[in-house]
């Protein structure tokens, strides 16, 4: 039996199908996933007034615009000019979980020195904090020897590792998604410095980004691991 393409489309709609983009997902198969999520949730729920909890990550800023959806008049389509040569800069940010504010630095390379610049900025930003927890992913620059050496000389700081391949566990990812929505998607800038200025202005004037923890932190396995962790902490306190 031969049918038209339109008939196939109509049948698919009747069965509940829609035409839309796929999306990238991470593996999220870290064997210590539950333990790490429970540890972070424990910090969130037991953070002392003199302590700070920051989620950190890096953001690539490209002169080549990200292409995405926007409102357009019917029958028209926005055209975004590509640069002759793409240029990049990198932003390292730290999201304060309690206030939703983002401390950030910008550099020309995404390496250990960018991370150290962020740590120095955080150190100045929170001079009275007795403890600064940095929740980070397992990207190699976060584990560089120079970063470890800096942390060794700044005992207020402690790295808390996210599960591998689990971007949903880091709320700053959502804030960076907002940066792309407001600054880098379909932009018309011709100079990388102007794109960076837009990003800095956005982080200064908008926000705060008071994102709650993802639902993955409240799965039954994490609840059980958290209960066990709380019990251990109570025994130590006794």
C-alpha atoms as a PDB file:
ATOM      1  CA  UNK A   1       0.000   0.000   0.000  1.00  0.00           C
ATOM      2  CA  UNK A   2       1.372   3.364  -0.974  1.00  0.00           C
ATOM      3  CA  UNK A   3       0.549   6.482   1.099  1.00  0.00           C
ATOM      4  CA  UNK A   4       1.747  10.056   0.911  1.00  0.00           C
ATOM      5  CA  UNK A   5       4.263  11.682   3.235  1.00  0.00           C
ATOM      6  CA  UNK A   6       1.493  13.894   4.639  1.00  0.00           C
ATOM      7  CA  UNK A   7      -0.573  10.818   5.538  1.00  0.00           C
ATOM      8  CA  UNK A   8       2.396   9.367   7.424  1.00  0.00           C
ATOM      9  CA  UNK A   9       2.830  12.672   9.250  1.00  0.00           C
ATOM     10  CA  UNK A  10      -0.853  12.731  10.235  1.00  0.00           C
ATOM     11  CA  UNK A  11      -0.737   9.133  11.454  1.00  0.00           C
ATOM     12  CA  UNK A  12       2.328   9.842  13.590  1.00  0.00           C
ATOM     13  CA  UNK A  13       0.585  12.839  15.187  1.00  0.00           C
ATOM     14  CA  UNK A  14      -2.428  10.684  15.952  1.00  0.00           C
ATOM     15  CA  UNK A  15      -0.142   8.243  17.780  1.00  0.00           C
ATOM     16  CA  UNK A  16       1.314  11.028  19.946  1.00  0.00           C
ATOM     17  CA  UNK A  17       4.559  11.643  18.041  1.00  0.00           C
ATOM     18  CA  UNK A  18       6.007  15.132  17.476  1.00  0.00           C
ATOM     19  CA  UNK A  19       8.937  16.344  15.357  1.00  0.00           C
ATOM     20  CA  UNK A  20      11.632  17.903  17.560  1.00  0.00           C
ATOM     21  CA  UNK A  21      15.344  17.969  18.226  1.00  0.00           C
ATOM     22  CA  UNK A  22      17.215  15.244  20.039  1.00  0.00           C
ATOM     23  CA  UNK A  23      19.490  16.325  22.862  1.00  0.00           C
ATOM     24  CA  UNK A  24      22.851  15.269  24.176  1.00  0.00           C
ATOM     25  CA  UNK A  25      22.945  13.284  27.412  1.00  0.00           C
ATOM     26  CA  UNK A  26      25.878  12.126  29.519  1.00  0.00           C
ATOM     27  CA  UNK A  27      26.527   8.546  30.584  1.00  0.00           C
ATOM     28  CA  UNK A  28      25.957   9.267  34.299  1.00  0.00           C
ATOM     29  CA  UNK A  29      27.408   5.897  35.347  1.00  0.00           C
ATOM     30  CA  UNK A  30      29.878   6.861  38.072  1.00  0.00           C
ATOM     31  CA  UNK A  31      30.056   3.909  40.526  1.00  0.00           C
ATOM     32  CA  UNK A  32      30.272   6.453  43.393  1.00  0.00           C
ATOM     33  CA  UNK A  33      27.372   8.529  42.053  1.00  0.00           C
ATOM     34  CA  UNK A  34      25.021   7.998  45.014  1.00  0.00           C
ATOM     35  CA  UNK A  35      27.727   8.588  47.633  1.00  0.00           C
ATOM     36  CA  UNK A  36      28.883  11.813  45.983  1.00  0.00           C
ATOM     37  CA  UNK A  37      25.345  13.169  45.615  1.00  0.00           C
ATOM     38  CA  UNK A  38      24.601  12.352  49.268  1.00  0.00           C
ATOM     39  CA  UNK A  39      27.780  14.151  50.360  1.00  0.00           C
ATOM     40  CA  UNK A  40      26.829  17.324  48.466  1.00  0.00           C
ATOM     41  CA  UNK A  41      23.251  17.247  49.733  1.00  0.00           C
ATOM     42  CA  UNK A  42      24.549  16.798  53.285  1.00  0.00           C
ATOM     43  CA  UNK A  43      26.643  19.951  52.883  1.00  0.00           C
ATOM     44  CA  UNK A  44      23.643  21.888  51.550  1.00  0.00           C
ATOM     45  CA  UNK A  45      21.438  20.815  54.458  1.00  0.00           C
ATOM     46  CA  UNK A  46      24.054  21.315  57.197  1.00  0.00           C
ATOM     47  CA  UNK A  47      25.982  24.357  55.981  1.00  0.00           C
ATOM     48  CA  UNK A  48      27.000  26.611  58.863  1.00  0.00           C
ATOM     49  CA  UNK A  49      26.579  30.416  58.744  1.00  0.00           C
ATOM     50  CA  UNK A  50      30.341  30.890  58.557  1.00  0.00           C
ATOM     51  CA  UNK A  51      30.725  28.458  55.628  1.00  0.00           C
ATOM     52  CA  UNK A  52      30.297  28.925  51.877  1.00  0.00           C
ATOM     53  CA  UNK A  53      29.225  26.362  49.281  1.00  0.00           C
ATOM     54  CA  UNK A  54      30.121  27.122  45.672  1.00  0.00           C
ATOM     55  CA  UNK A  55      29.441  25.174  42.480  1.00  0.00           C
ATOM     56  CA  UNK A  56      32.194  25.879  39.945  1.00  0.00           C
ATOM     57  CA  UNK A  57      32.595  25.301  36.213  1.00  0.00           C
ATOM     58  CA  UNK A  58      33.947  26.851  33.020  1.00  0.00           C
ATOM     59  CA  UNK A  59      32.126  28.390  30.059  1.00  0.00           C
ATOM     60  CA  UNK A  60      33.453  28.646  26.500  1.00  0.00           C
ATOM     61  CA  UNK A  61      32.712  31.996  24.843  1.00  0.00           C
ATOM     62  CA  UNK A  62      32.942  31.868  21.043  1.00  0.00           C
ATOM     63  CA  UNK A  63      32.871  34.638  18.475  1.00  0.00           C
ATOM     64  CA  UNK A  64      31.086  32.109  16.247  1.00  0.00           C
ATOM     65  CA  UNK A  65      27.457  32.530  17.344  1.00  0.00           C
ATOM     66  CA  UNK A  66      25.491  29.647  18.783  1.00  0.00           C
ATOM     67  CA  UNK A  67      22.480  29.016  16.560  1.00  0.00           C
ATOM     68  CA  UNK A  68      19.156  28.564  18.286  1.00  0.00           C
ATOM     69  CA  UNK A  69      15.493  29.410  18.430  1.00  0.00           C
ATOM     70  CA  UNK A  70      14.180  32.976  18.661  1.00  0.00           C
ATOM     71  CA  UNK A  71      10.955  34.782  17.808  1.00  0.00           C
ATOM     72  CA  UNK A  72      10.719  35.618  14.090  1.00  0.00           C
ATOM     73  CA  UNK A  73       7.953  36.921  11.880  1.00  0.00           C
ATOM     74  CA  UNK A  74       6.213  34.170   9.982  1.00  0.00           C
ATOM     75  CA  UNK A  75       7.832  33.680   6.578  1.00  0.00           C
ATOM     76  CA  UNK A  76      11.162  35.172   7.676  1.00  0.00           C
ATOM     77  CA  UNK A  77      14.335  33.677   9.110  1.00  0.00           C
ATOM     78  CA  UNK A  78      17.088  35.443  11.021  1.00  0.00           C
ATOM     79  CA  UNK A  79      20.476  35.223   9.321  1.00  0.00           C
ATOM     80  CA  UNK A  80      23.545  35.119  11.532  1.00  0.00           C
ATOM     81  CA  UNK A  81      26.859  35.985   9.893  1.00  0.00           C
ATOM     82  CA  UNK A  82      29.772  33.662  10.656  1.00  0.00           C
ATOM     83  CA  UNK A  83      33.150  35.280  11.462  1.00  0.00           C
ATOM     84  CA  UNK A  84      36.096  34.735   9.149  1.00  0.00           C
ATOM     85  CA  UNK A  85      38.045  33.208  12.029  1.00  0.00           C
ATOM     86  CA  UNK A  86      36.458  31.981  15.223  1.00  0.00           C
ATOM     87  CA  UNK A  87      37.983  33.335  18.424  1.00  0.00           C
ATOM     88  CA  UNK A  88      37.443  32.086  21.952  1.00  0.00           C
ATOM     89  CA  UNK A  89      37.720  33.190  25.529  1.00  0.00           C
ATOM     90  CA  UNK A  90      36.849  31.280  28.660  1.00  0.00           C
ATOM     91  CA  UNK A  91      34.946  32.165  31.798  1.00  0.00           C
ATOM     92  CA  UNK A  92      35.390  30.356  35.099  1.00  0.00           C
ATOM     93  CA  UNK A  93      32.503  30.871  37.507  1.00  0.00           C
ATOM     94  CA  UNK A  94      31.531  29.958  41.065  1.00  0.00           C
ATOM     95  CA  UNK A  95      27.830  29.932  41.956  1.00  0.00           C
ATOM     96  CA  UNK A  96      27.076  30.666  45.611  1.00  0.00           C
ATOM     97  CA  UNK A  97      24.347  28.168  46.413  1.00  0.00           C
ATOM     98  CA  UNK A  98      22.760  30.298  49.152  1.00  0.00           C
ATOM     99  CA  UNK A  99      22.741  33.713  47.435  1.00  0.00           C
ATOM    100  CA  UNK A 100      22.615  32.657  43.783  1.00  0.00           C
ATOM    101  CA  UNK A 101      25.392  35.131  42.909  1.00  0.00           C
ATOM    102  CA  UNK A 102      28.209  34.175  40.533  1.00  0.00           C
ATOM    103  CA  UNK A 103      31.849  35.102  41.084  1.00  0.00           C
ATOM    104  CA  UNK A 104      33.773  34.872  37.818  1.00  0.00           C
ATOM    105  CA  UNK A 105      37.018  35.505  35.950  1.00  0.00           C
ATOM    106  CA  UNK A 106      37.782  35.484  32.217  1.00  0.00           C
ATOM    107  CA  UNK A 107      40.910  34.224  30.470  1.00  0.00           C
ATOM    108  CA  UNK A 108      42.251  33.412  27.020  1.00  0.00           C
ATOM    109  CA  UNK A 109      42.939  29.754  27.875  1.00  0.00           C
ATOM    110  CA  UNK A 110      40.988  27.121  29.750  1.00  0.00           C
ATOM    111  CA  UNK A 111      43.750  25.739  31.914  1.00  0.00           C
ATOM    112  CA  UNK A 112      44.952  25.448  35.508  1.00  0.00           C
ATOM    113  CA  UNK A 113      45.774  29.163  35.696  1.00  0.00           C
ATOM    114  CA  UNK A 114      42.177  30.072  34.915  1.00  0.00           C
ATOM    115  CA  UNK A 115      41.081  27.869  37.834  1.00  0.00           C
ATOM    116  CA  UNK A 116      43.667  29.432  40.148  1.00  0.00           C
ATOM    117  CA  UNK A 117      42.539  32.937  39.129  1.00  0.00           C
ATOM    118  CA  UNK A 118      38.998  31.941  40.114  1.00  0.00           C
ATOM    119  CA  UNK A 119      40.206  30.544  43.457  1.00  0.00           C
ATOM    120  CA  UNK A 120      42.040  33.779  44.197  1.00  0.00           C
ATOM    121  CA  UNK A 121      38.938  35.778  43.347  1.00  0.00           C
ATOM    122  CA  UNK A 122      36.826  33.590  45.637  1.00  0.00           C
ATOM    123  CA  UNK A 123      39.423  33.960  48.391  1.00  0.00           C
ATOM    124  CA  UNK A 124      39.070  37.754  48.201  1.00  0.00           C
ATOM    125  CA  UNK A 125      35.286  37.605  47.872  1.00  0.00           C
ATOM    126  CA  UNK A 126      34.769  35.651  51.111  1.00  0.00           C
ATOM    127  CA  UNK A 127      37.479  36.890  53.520  1.00  0.00           C
ATOM    128  CA  UNK A 128      35.591  35.940  56.710  1.00  0.00           C
ATOM    129  CA  UNK A 129      34.369  32.458  55.721  1.00  0.00           C
ATOM    130  CA  UNK A 130      35.814  29.725  57.926  1.00  0.00           C
ATOM    131  CA  UNK A 131      35.306  27.075  55.237  1.00  0.00           C
ATOM    132  CA  UNK A 132      34.796  27.286  51.482  1.00  0.00           C
ATOM    133  CA  UNK A 133      33.473  24.155  49.771  1.00  0.00           C
ATOM    134  CA  UNK A 134      34.017  24.029  46.007  1.00  0.00           C
ATOM    135  CA  UNK A 135      31.802  21.516  44.207  1.00  0.00           C
ATOM    136  CA  UNK A 136      33.529  20.674  40.929  1.00  0.00           C
ATOM    137  CA  UNK A 137      33.447  18.116  38.145  1.00  0.00           C
ATOM    138  CA  UNK A 138      36.350  15.838  37.327  1.00  0.00           C
ATOM    139  CA  UNK A 139      37.759  17.931  34.477  1.00  0.00           C
ATOM    140  CA  UNK A 140      41.544  17.578  34.440  1.00  0.00           C
ATOM    141  CA  UNK A 141      42.301  21.279  35.090  1.00  0.00           C
ATOM    142  CA  UNK A 142      40.527  21.018  38.456  1.00  0.00           C
ATOM    143  CA  UNK A 143      43.005  18.281  39.459  1.00  0.00           C
ATOM    144  CA  UNK A 144      46.160  19.914  38.096  1.00  0.00           C
ATOM    145  CA  UNK A 145      49.224  19.889  40.354  1.00  0.00           C
ATOM    146  CA  UNK A 146      49.343  23.678  40.438  1.00  0.00           C
ATOM    147  CA  UNK A 147      45.738  23.775  41.664  1.00  0.00           C
ATOM    148  CA  UNK A 148      46.445  21.119  44.304  1.00  0.00           C
ATOM    149  CA  UNK A 149      49.480  23.096  45.447  1.00  0.00           C
ATOM    150  CA  UNK A 150      47.418  26.286  45.745  1.00  0.00           C
ATOM    151  CA  UNK A 151      44.760  24.468  47.783  1.00  0.00           C
ATOM    152  CA  UNK A 152      47.432  23.018  50.056  1.00  0.00           C
ATOM    153  CA  UNK A 153      48.406  26.561  51.079  1.00  0.00           C
ATOM    154  CA  UNK A 154      44.780  27.661  51.550  1.00  0.00           C
ATOM    155  CA  UNK A 155      43.253  25.225  54.068  1.00  0.00           C
ATOM    156  CA  UNK A 156      39.908  27.080  54.098  1.00  0.00           C
ATOM    157  CA  UNK A 157      39.188  25.549  50.693  1.00  0.00           C
ATOM    158  CA  UNK A 158      37.959  22.007  50.133  1.00  0.00           C
ATOM    159  CA  UNK A 159      37.087  20.397  46.793  1.00  0.00           C
ATOM    160  CA  UNK A 160      33.965  18.228  46.727  1.00  0.00           C
ATOM    161  CA  UNK A 161      33.728  16.113  43.572  1.00  0.00           C
ATOM    162  CA  UNK A 162      30.603  15.752  41.476  1.00  0.00           C
ATOM    163  CA  UNK A 163      29.740  12.373  39.950  1.00  0.00           C
ATOM    164  CA  UNK A 164      31.424  11.836  36.589  1.00  0.00           C
ATOM    165  CA  UNK A 165      29.339  12.593  33.485  1.00  0.00           C
ATOM    166  CA  UNK A 166      26.546  14.168  35.539  1.00  0.00           C
ATOM    167  CA  UNK A 167      26.046  17.821  34.488  1.00  0.00           C
ATOM    168  CA  UNK A 168      22.533  17.829  35.995  1.00  0.00           C
ATOM    169  CA  UNK A 169      24.177  17.712  39.419  1.00  0.00           C
ATOM    170  CA  UNK A 170      25.753  21.156  38.925  1.00  0.00           C
ATOM    171  CA  UNK A 171      23.284  24.078  39.129  1.00  0.00           C
ATOM    172  CA  UNK A 172      25.761  26.507  37.557  1.00  0.00           C
ATOM    173  CA  UNK A 173      25.171  24.666  34.275  1.00  0.00           C
ATOM    174  CA  UNK A 174      21.668  26.156  34.256  1.00  0.00           C
ATOM    175  CA  UNK A 175      23.043  29.627  34.882  1.00  0.00           C
ATOM    176  CA  UNK A 176      25.480  29.178  31.995  1.00  0.00           C
ATOM    177  CA  UNK A 177      22.562  28.075  29.826  1.00  0.00           C
ATOM    178  CA  UNK A 178      20.988  31.437  30.641  1.00  0.00           C
ATOM    179  CA  UNK A 179      24.202  33.142  29.498  1.00  0.00           C
ATOM    180  CA  UNK A 180      23.919  31.421  26.123  1.00  0.00           C
ATOM    181  CA  UNK A 181      20.236  32.369  25.843  1.00  0.00           C
ATOM    182  CA  UNK A 182      20.922  36.035  26.566  1.00  0.00           C
ATOM    183  CA  UNK A 183      24.392  36.636  25.132  1.00  0.00           C
ATOM    184  CA  UNK A 184      25.819  34.106  22.693  1.00  0.00           C
ATOM    185  CA  UNK A 185      22.860  32.650  20.806  1.00  0.00           C
ATOM    186  CA  UNK A 186      22.328  34.282  17.390  1.00  0.00           C
ATOM    187  CA  UNK A 187      24.459  37.263  18.429  1.00  0.00           C
ATOM    188  CA  UNK A 188      25.558  39.871  15.855  1.00  0.00           C
ATOM    189  CA  UNK A 189      28.885  40.874  17.433  1.00  0.00           C
ATOM    190  CA  UNK A 190      32.002  41.015  15.257  1.00  0.00           C
ATOM    191  CA  UNK A 191      34.597  41.248  18.065  1.00  0.00           C
ATOM    192  CA  UNK A 192      35.180  38.654  20.788  1.00  0.00           C
ATOM    193  CA  UNK A 193      35.744  41.467  23.299  1.00  0.00           C
ATOM    194  CA  UNK A 194      32.173  42.657  22.732  1.00  0.00           C
ATOM    195  CA  UNK A 195      30.758  39.166  23.306  1.00  0.00           C
ATOM    196  CA  UNK A 196      32.751  38.894  26.551  1.00  0.00           C
ATOM    197  CA  UNK A 197      31.486  42.324  27.623  1.00  0.00           C
ATOM    198  CA  UNK A 198      27.906  41.183  27.017  1.00  0.00           C
ATOM    199  CA  UNK A 199      28.484  38.114  29.198  1.00  0.00           C
ATOM    200  CA  UNK A 200      30.045  40.179  31.996  1.00  0.00           C
ATOM    201  CA  UNK A 201      27.195  42.706  31.861  1.00  0.00           C
ATOM    202  CA  UNK A 202      24.640  39.909  32.020  1.00  0.00           C
ATOM    203  CA  UNK A 203      26.265  38.351  35.089  1.00  0.00           C
ATOM    204  CA  UNK A 204      26.493  41.742  36.782  1.00  0.00           C
ATOM    205  CA  UNK A 205      22.990  43.032  36.057  1.00  0.00           C
ATOM    206  CA  UNK A 206      20.842  39.893  36.010  1.00  0.00           C
ATOM    207  CA  UNK A 207      20.420  37.105  38.511  1.00  0.00           C
ATOM    208  CA  UNK A 208      20.685  35.994  41.219  1.00  0.00           C
ATOM    209  CA  UNK A 209      20.440  32.379  40.075  1.00  0.00           C
ATOM    210  CA  UNK A 210      18.906  30.658  43.095  1.00  0.00           C
ATOM    211  CA  UNK A 211      18.565  27.251  41.523  1.00  0.00           C
ATOM    212  CA  UNK A 212      17.583  24.356  43.748  1.00  0.00           C
ATOM    213  CA  UNK A 213      19.326  21.027  43.574  1.00  0.00           C
ATOM    214  CA  UNK A 214      18.219  18.737  40.754  1.00  0.00           C
ATOM    215  CA  UNK A 215      15.709  15.981  41.476  1.00  0.00           C
ATOM    216  CA  UNK A 216      18.546  13.441  41.168  1.00  0.00           C
ATOM    217  CA  UNK A 217      19.676  14.526  44.643  1.00  0.00           C
ATOM    218  CA  UNK A 218      16.369  13.259  46.059  1.00  0.00           C
ATOM    219  CA  UNK A 219      16.249   9.766  44.601  1.00  0.00           C
ATOM    220  CA  UNK A 220      15.557   6.968  47.084  1.00  0.00           C
ATOM    221  CA  UNK A 221      19.137   5.631  46.883  1.00  0.00           C
ATOM    222  CA  UNK A 222      20.517   9.072  47.727  1.00  0.00           C
ATOM    223  CA  UNK A 223      18.043   9.409  50.620  1.00  0.00           C
ATOM    224  CA  UNK A 224      19.336   6.135  52.061  1.00  0.00           C
ATOM    225  CA  UNK A 225      22.988   7.127  51.621  1.00  0.00           C
ATOM    226  CA  UNK A 226      22.284  10.510  53.220  1.00  0.00           C
ATOM    227  CA  UNK A 227      20.593   8.882  56.227  1.00  0.00           C
ATOM    228  CA  UNK A 228      23.649   6.678  56.715  1.00  0.00           C
ATOM    229  CA  UNK A 229      25.977   9.658  56.394  1.00  0.00           C
ATOM    230  CA  UNK A 230      23.933  11.629  58.948  1.00  0.00           C
ATOM    231  CA  UNK A 231      24.120   8.669  61.340  1.00  0.00           C
ATOM    232  CA  UNK A 232      27.902   8.482  60.993  1.00  0.00           C
ATOM    233  CA  UNK A 233      28.209  12.213  61.626  1.00  0.00           C
ATOM    234  CA  UNK A 234      26.045  11.947  64.742  1.00  0.00           C
ATOM    235  CA  UNK A 235      28.229   9.130  66.087  1.00  0.00           C
ATOM    236  CA  UNK A 236      31.360  11.206  65.515  1.00  0.00           C
ATOM    237  CA  UNK A 237      29.797  14.196  67.265  1.00  0.00           C
ATOM    238  CA  UNK A 238      28.880  12.017  70.264  1.00  0.00           C
END
